[in-house]
Amino acid sequence: MTGDFLVPPAFIQALRQHQRFLLVSHVGLDGDHLGSMLALQQALEKLGKEVVALLPEPVPSSLSNILFGLDRMVESVAPDEKFDAVVALECPTLSRMPKGFDPRILAPVLLNFDHHQDNALYGDLNWVLPDVAALGEMTFELIQHLDVPLDRSMATALYVAILTDTGAFQYSRVTPATHRRLASMLQAGVATDEVSRSVYRNSRPDVLKLLGRMLNELTVDRRDGVTVAWAELSEQALNQYQVRPEEIQFFVDELDRVDDADVVVLVREVPGGKVKASIRSRNHPINQVAAIFGGGGHSRAAGCVAEGTLSQVRGTLVDAVHAELTRLTKA
């Protein structure tokens, strides 16, 4: 099955001719790169390849409960370990890779495999499609072109990748071809009810209590015809409710329920005196605002990590969002 884009023959050739691969992605775990990495690892292993998948971050139970083969991933690789090729999945720049990771030391060939529009095209081979809804779609096509039959494990991983990166298939980049790919995954045995419940309706009570507190304290900032809804999460609040960072990935989606918000911003404290921000926009590109703070992402879904106090970063960031949307709407 082929879709609405082509897989570069050079990419297929590189995966076929090399034997030992290291898979890596950006820091800040999400379902798209996790599912894509897991499926690609299993497909390459079916071809008799040696594959090491680097995942230095904890996987939330919402994903670990439904994905197969996570125990095959590793938290680190030795600096003197050697590979034929490194495959970077959904990693727009080298700086977004795990701290201290240098792909050029580990392998002579670097494959850059992504769908972020701000990708720096740093690979020896670059396959970057910004208009594709999820990396999981590209991974599906890649596996098809490698002539590896889709089994339930790979199909579930790819389904999770697309489900999570499209807001449960709600975003505008979802196409008829997306759903045709999903149909193939269902035919391979994906338990859609179990996946959806685990991803979206399976939180500990304390996580929901923290969510309720966040929503109770959200602020709607209206200026010059632009509406920004924002909320803050302090490190103290996460500790009080004993909530791990990986358990709150869906909080920004709940904030996005504010009916008239043009943009929503969720900021939270992270160790080291820094603040992590997630930004979602409904109608206008917002990744340039994240870039001001050293971040990036998709046109309407971006993020960054900045130094400063929670209120300082939030205030500066919300002001920047207002300025950017005012500029765009008056252009």
Protein backbone atom coordinates (compact mmCIF):
# COMPACT_ATOMS: atom_id res chain seq x y z
CA MET A 1 0.00 0.00 0.00
CA THR A 2 1.34 3.42 -0.94
CA GLY A 3 -0.07 6.76 0.15
CA ASP A 4 0.08 10.43 -0.73
CA PHE A 5 3.87 10.74 -0.45
CA LEU A 6 6.89 8.82 -1.67
CA VAL A 7 9.56 7.07 0.39
CA PRO A 8 13.02 8.07 -0.90
CA PRO A 9 14.72 5.04 -2.49
CA ALA A 10 18.01 6.08 -0.84
CA PHE A 11 16.40 5.70 2.57
CA ILE A 12 15.24 2.19 1.77
CA GLN A 13 18.65 1.31 0.35
CA ALA A 14 20.44 2.58 3.47
CA LEU A 15 18.24 0.49 5.76
CA ARG A 16 18.73 -2.58 3.60
CA GLN A 17 22.50 -2.34 3.13
CA HIS A 18 23.57 -1.57 6.71
CA GLN A 19 23.47 -4.14 9.48
CA ARG A 20 23.82 -2.40 12.85
CA PHE A 21 21.56 0.56 13.69
CA LEU A 22 21.08 2.96 16.58
CA LEU A 23 17.67 4.66 16.81
CA VAL A 24 17.37 7.95 18.72
CA SER A 25 14.86 10.77 19.09
CA HIS A 26 14.39 14.13 20.77
CA VAL A 27 14.26 14.59 24.53
CA GLY A 28 10.77 14.98 25.93
CA LEU A 29 9.03 11.69 25.26
CA ASP A 30 5.87 11.61 23.15
CA GLY A 31 3.77 8.84 21.67
CA ASP A 32 4.71 9.58 18.07
CA HIS A 33 8.45 9.10 18.29
CA LEU A 34 8.10 6.28 20.83
CA GLY A 35 5.65 4.32 18.68
CA SER A 36 7.59 5.00 15.50
CA MET A 37 10.89 3.95 17.07
CA LEU A 38 9.39 0.78 18.49
CA ALA A 39 7.79 -0.23 15.18
CA LEU A 40 10.91 0.53 13.15
CA GLN A 41 13.10 -1.41 15.59
CA GLN A 42 10.89 -4.47 15.27
CA ALA A 43 10.68 -4.20 11.46
CA LEU A 44 14.45 -3.97 11.07
CA GLU A 45 14.95 -6.91 13.43
CA LYS A 46 12.59 -8.96 11.25
CA LEU A 47 15.03 -8.24 8.42
CA GLY A 48 17.84 -9.71 10.52
CA LYS A 49 19.36 -6.36 11.52
CA GLU A 50 20.96 -5.53 14.87
CA VAL A 51 19.06 -2.60 16.36
CA VAL A 52 19.57 -0.60 19.52
CA ALA A 53 16.76 1.84 20.39
CA LEU A 54 17.81 4.61 22.78
CA LEU A 55 15.09 5.77 25.17
CA PRO A 56 16.56 7.58 28.21
CA GLU A 57 13.19 8.70 29.61
CA PRO A 58 10.49 6.88 31.58
CA VAL A 59 7.42 5.73 29.68
CA PRO A 60 4.09 6.58 31.36
CA SER A 61 1.83 3.66 32.21
CA SER A 62 -0.74 4.98 29.72
CA LEU A 63 1.67 3.87 26.97
CA SER A 64 3.63 1.07 28.62
CA ASN A 65 0.40 -0.83 29.32
CA ILE A 66 -0.42 -1.19 25.62
CA LEU A 67 2.90 -1.27 23.75
CA PHE A 68 4.85 -4.46 23.13
CA GLY A 69 8.65 -4.71 23.29
CA LEU A 70 9.56 -1.70 25.42
CA ASP A 71 11.92 -3.92 27.41
CA ARG A 72 14.12 -4.13 24.30
CA MET A 73 14.95 -0.41 24.49
CA VAL A 74 18.01 0.91 26.35
CA GLU A 75 18.60 3.98 28.51
CA SER A 76 22.16 4.67 27.33
CA VAL A 77 24.89 3.53 24.96
CA ALA A 78 28.61 3.46 25.60
CA PRO A 79 30.62 6.20 23.84
CA ASP A 80 32.90 3.60 22.28
CA GLU A 81 30.02 1.51 20.90
CA LYS A 82 29.92 1.56 17.11
CA PHE A 83 27.08 1.32 14.61
CA ASP A 84 26.76 1.38 10.84
CA ALA A 85 24.10 4.10 10.96
CA VAL A 86 22.17 6.29 13.38
CA VAL A 87 18.51 6.92 12.58
CA ALA A 88 17.19 10.12 14.17
CA LEU A 89 13.41 10.00 14.49
CA GLU A 90 11.41 13.22 14.89
CA CYS A 91 14.45 15.17 15.99
CA PRO A 92 14.52 18.58 14.24
CA THR A 93 18.01 19.57 15.41
CA LEU A 94 21.05 17.85 16.87
CA SER A 95 20.63 19.93 20.02
CA ARG A 96 17.29 18.22 20.74
CA MET A 97 18.97 14.83 21.12
CA PRO A 98 19.75 13.45 24.59
CA LYS A 99 22.41 15.37 26.51
CA GLY A 100 25.93 14.43 25.51
CA PHE A 101 24.76 12.36 22.53
CA ASP A 102 26.89 12.76 19.38
CA PRO A 103 25.69 10.62 16.47
CA ARG A 104 28.81 11.35 14.42
CA ILE A 105 31.00 9.62 16.98
CA LEU A 106 28.82 6.52 17.03
CA ALA A 107 28.30 5.91 13.30
CA PRO A 108 29.54 7.10 9.89
CA VAL A 109 26.02 7.53 8.50
CA LEU A 110 23.20 9.67 9.93
CA LEU A 111 19.61 9.31 8.70
CA ASN A 112 17.30 12.22 9.58
CA PHE A 113 13.65 11.10 9.64
CA ASP A 114 11.13 13.74 10.70
CA HIS A 115 7.99 15.78 10.07
CA HIS A 116 8.86 19.07 11.80
CA GLN A 117 8.92 22.09 9.52
CA ASP A 118 11.89 23.59 11.38
CA ASN A 119 14.10 20.56 10.77
CA ALA A 120 17.73 21.61 10.17
CA LEU A 121 18.37 18.89 7.53
CA TYR A 122 21.53 17.78 9.32
CA GLY A 123 21.63 14.17 8.11
CA ASP A 124 23.57 12.44 5.37
CA LEU A 125 20.09 11.44 4.22
CA ASN A 126 17.12 13.65 5.10
CA TRP A 127 13.50 12.55 4.78
CA VAL A 128 11.43 15.39 6.21
CA LEU A 129 7.73 15.89 5.39
CA PRO A 130 6.25 18.78 7.41
CA ASP A 131 2.72 18.31 6.07
CA VAL A 132 2.39 14.73 7.31
CA ALA A 133 0.20 14.38 10.39
CA ALA A 134 2.55 12.11 12.35
CA LEU A 135 5.90 10.41 12.00
CA GLY A 136 3.94 7.19 12.50
CA GLU A 137 2.51 7.63 9.00
CA MET A 138 5.97 7.91 7.48
CA THR A 139 7.16 4.93 9.51
CA PHE A 140 4.21 2.88 8.28
CA GLU A 141 5.13 3.60 4.66
CA LEU A 142 8.80 2.89 5.36
CA ILE A 143 7.95 -0.52 6.79
CA GLN A 144 5.68 -1.24 3.82
CA HIS A 145 8.52 -0.44 1.40
CA LEU A 146 10.87 -2.70 3.37
CA ASP A 147 8.36 -5.51 2.64
CA VAL A 148 7.95 -6.36 6.31
CA PRO A 149 4.46 -7.72 7.10
CA LEU A 150 2.70 -5.64 9.74
CA ASP A 151 2.04 -7.63 12.90
CA ARG A 152 -0.03 -6.62 15.92
CA SER A 153 2.94 -5.27 17.87
CA MET A 154 4.16 -2.94 15.11
CA ALA A 155 0.61 -1.94 14.20
CA THR A 156 -0.21 -1.00 17.79
CA ALA A 157 2.95 1.09 18.07
CA LEU A 158 2.14 2.94 14.84
CA TYR A 159 -1.49 3.43 15.84
CA VAL A 160 -0.38 4.98 19.14
CA ALA A 161 2.05 7.23 17.25
CA ILE A 162 -0.66 8.61 14.96
CA LEU A 163 -3.39 8.70 17.62
CA THR A 164 -1.32 10.80 20.03
CA ASP A 165 0.21 13.18 17.48
CA THR A 166 -3.11 14.03 15.84
CA GLY A 167 -5.15 14.62 18.99
CA ALA A 168 -7.12 11.42 18.34
CA PHE A 169 -7.33 12.21 14.60
CA GLN A 170 -8.76 15.70 15.14
CA TYR A 171 -6.07 17.89 13.57
CA SER A 172 -6.25 19.41 10.11
CA ARG A 173 -3.28 17.46 8.72
CA VAL A 174 -5.20 14.18 9.01
CA THR A 175 -6.03 13.05 5.47
CA PRO A 176 -7.95 10.21 3.81
CA ALA A 177 -4.58 8.49 3.38
CA THR A 178 -4.08 8.69 7.16
CA HIS A 179 -7.26 6.71 7.69
CA ARG A 180 -6.32 4.18 5.01
CA ARG A 181 -3.09 3.52 6.90
CA LEU A 182 -5.03 3.23 10.14
CA ALA A 183 -7.32 0.66 8.51
CA SER A 184 -4.28 -1.53 7.77
CA MET A 185 -3.27 -1.28 11.42
CA LEU A 186 -6.72 -2.35 12.58
CA GLN A 187 -6.58 -5.32 10.21
CA ALA A 188 -3.31 -6.31 11.88
CA GLY A 189 -5.09 -6.61 15.23
CA VAL A 190 -4.90 -3.27 17.06
CA ALA A 191 -7.29 -3.24 20.04
CA THR A 192 -8.52 0.33 19.53
CA ASP A 193 -10.74 0.37 22.61
CA GLU A 194 -7.91 -0.72 24.91
CA VAL A 195 -5.47 1.77 23.35
CA SER A 196 -7.86 4.72 23.59
CA ARG A 197 -8.80 3.98 27.17
CA SER A 198 -5.19 3.58 28.25
CA VAL A 199 -4.02 6.77 26.50
CA TYR A 200 -6.92 9.09 27.30
CA ARG A 201 -8.97 7.63 30.16
CA ASN A 202 -6.60 5.94 32.56
CA SER A 203 -5.19 8.41 35.12
CA ARG A 204 -4.49 7.99 38.80
CA PRO A 205 -6.81 9.96 41.12
CA ASP A 206 -4.00 12.28 42.21
CA VAL A 207 -3.27 13.17 38.56
CA LEU A 208 -6.91 14.15 38.08
CA LYS A 209 -6.85 16.18 41.30
CA LEU A 210 -3.85 18.11 39.99
CA LEU A 211 -5.62 18.61 36.67
CA GLY A 212 -8.64 19.98 38.51
CA ARG A 213 -6.46 22.39 40.43
CA MET A 214 -4.79 23.57 37.22
CA LEU A 215 -8.11 24.11 35.45
CA ASN A 216 -9.54 25.90 38.46
CA GLU A 217 -6.66 28.37 38.30
CA LEU A 218 -6.43 28.87 34.52
CA THR A 219 -6.40 32.45 33.21
CA VAL A 220 -7.93 33.79 30.00
CA ASP A 221 -5.97 36.80 28.73
CA ARG A 222 -7.79 38.90 26.13
CA ARG A 223 -5.96 41.75 24.38
CA ASP A 224 -6.55 43.52 21.07
CA GLY A 225 -8.79 40.78 19.74
CA VAL A 226 -6.41 37.95 20.69
CA THR A 227 -7.34 35.44 23.39
CA VAL A 228 -4.69 33.37 25.16
CA ALA A 229 -5.62 30.84 27.85
CA TRP A 230 -2.74 29.90 30.12
CA ALA A 231 -2.05 27.85 33.22
CA GLU A 232 0.92 27.15 35.46
CA LEU A 233 2.17 24.06 37.27
CA SER A 234 4.77 24.50 39.96
CA GLU A 235 7.24 21.82 40.95
CA GLN A 236 5.76 22.09 44.44
CA ALA A 237 2.30 21.20 43.08
CA LEU A 238 3.59 18.11 41.27
CA ASN A 239 5.37 17.00 44.45
CA GLN A 240 2.33 17.68 46.60
CA TYR A 241 0.17 15.38 44.46
CA GLN A 242 3.07 12.96 43.81
CA VAL A 243 2.58 13.28 40.06
CA ARG A 244 5.38 12.46 37.65
CA PRO A 245 6.03 14.75 34.65
CA GLU A 246 5.25 11.97 32.18
CA GLU A 247 1.74 11.70 33.67
CA ILE A 248 0.68 15.22 32.68
CA GLN A 249 1.29 15.15 28.94
CA PHE A 250 -2.44 15.46 28.24
CA PHE A 251 -2.93 18.53 30.45
CA VAL A 252 -2.32 20.98 27.61
CA ASP A 253 -5.05 19.23 25.59
CA GLU A 254 -7.51 19.77 28.43
CA LEU A 255 -6.50 23.44 28.54
CA ASP A 256 -7.26 23.58 24.83
CA ARG A 257 -10.95 23.08 25.66
CA VAL A 258 -11.36 26.81 26.39
CA ASP A 259 -13.88 27.70 23.71
CA ASP A 260 -12.66 31.04 22.38
CA ALA A 261 -8.92 30.73 22.94
CA ASP A 262 -6.73 31.43 19.92
CA VAL A 263 -3.73 29.93 21.72
CA VAL A 264 -3.26 27.97 24.94
CA VAL A 265 -0.04 27.94 26.96
CA LEU A 266 0.89 25.54 29.74
CA VAL A 267 4.06 26.30 31.71
CA ARG A 268 5.57 24.14 34.42
CA GLU A 269 8.69 24.21 36.54
CA VAL A 270 11.39 21.65 35.83
CA PRO A 271 14.55 20.96 37.84
CA GLY A 272 17.48 23.32 37.45
CA GLY A 273 15.61 26.59 37.71
CA LYS A 274 13.97 26.20 34.31
CA VAL A 275 10.44 26.33 32.94
CA LYS A 276 8.99 24.09 30.25
CA ALA A 277 6.21 25.45 28.05
CA SER A 278 3.74 23.77 25.72
CA ILE A 279 1.95 25.98 23.20
CA ARG A 280 -1.07 25.11 21.04
CA SER A 281 -2.62 27.36 18.41
CA ARG A 282 -5.87 26.85 16.53
CA ASN A 283 -5.48 28.98 13.42
CA HIS A 284 -2.05 30.62 13.30
CA PRO A 285 1.57 29.36 13.31
CA ILE A 286 3.13 29.66 16.73
CA ASN A 287 6.43 27.81 16.45
CA GLN A 288 8.31 31.07 15.85
CA VAL A 289 7.40 32.14 19.37
CA ALA A 290 8.85 28.92 20.76
CA ALA A 291 11.98 29.55 18.68
CA ILE A 292 12.51 32.88 20.47
CA PHE A 293 12.93 30.87 23.68
CA GLY A 294 15.20 28.26 22.10
CA GLY A 295 12.45 25.79 21.29
CA GLY A 296 10.47 24.82 18.23
CA GLY A 297 8.02 22.26 16.95
CA HIS A 298 5.11 22.15 14.57
CA SER A 299 3.34 25.17 13.17
CA ARG A 300 0.46 24.99 15.66
CA ALA A 301 1.98 22.80 18.37
CA ALA A 302 5.31 23.87 19.79
CA GLY A 303 7.30 24.04 23.00
CA CYS A 304 10.43 25.31 24.69
CA VAL A 305 12.46 25.23 27.88
CA ALA A 306 13.61 28.58 29.28
CA GLU A 307 15.51 29.77 32.31
CA GLY A 308 13.73 31.90 34.91
CA THR A 309 10.94 31.75 37.43
CA LEU A 310 7.54 30.35 36.53
CA SER A 311 5.83 33.74 36.53
CA GLN A 312 8.65 35.45 34.62
CA VAL A 313 8.75 32.92 31.80
CA ARG A 314 4.98 32.68 31.62
CA GLY A 315 4.57 36.46 31.46
CA THR A 316 7.21 36.91 28.77
CA LEU A 317 5.92 33.97 26.76
CA VAL A 318 2.26 35.03 26.86
CA ASP A 319 3.28 38.56 25.86
CA ALA A 320 5.23 37.13 22.92
CA VAL A 321 2.25 35.04 21.85
CA HIS A 322 0.00 38.10 21.91
CA ALA A 323 2.53 40.12 19.91
CA GLU A 324 2.94 37.39 17.28
CA LEU A 325 -0.79 36.79 16.80
CA THR A 326 -1.51 40.51 16.68
CA ARG A 327 1.14 40.84 13.98
CA LEU A 328 -0.27 37.93 12.00
CA THR A 329 -3.90 39.03 12.23
CA LYS A 330 -3.12 42.61 11.21
CA ALA A 331 -0.72 41.72 8.41
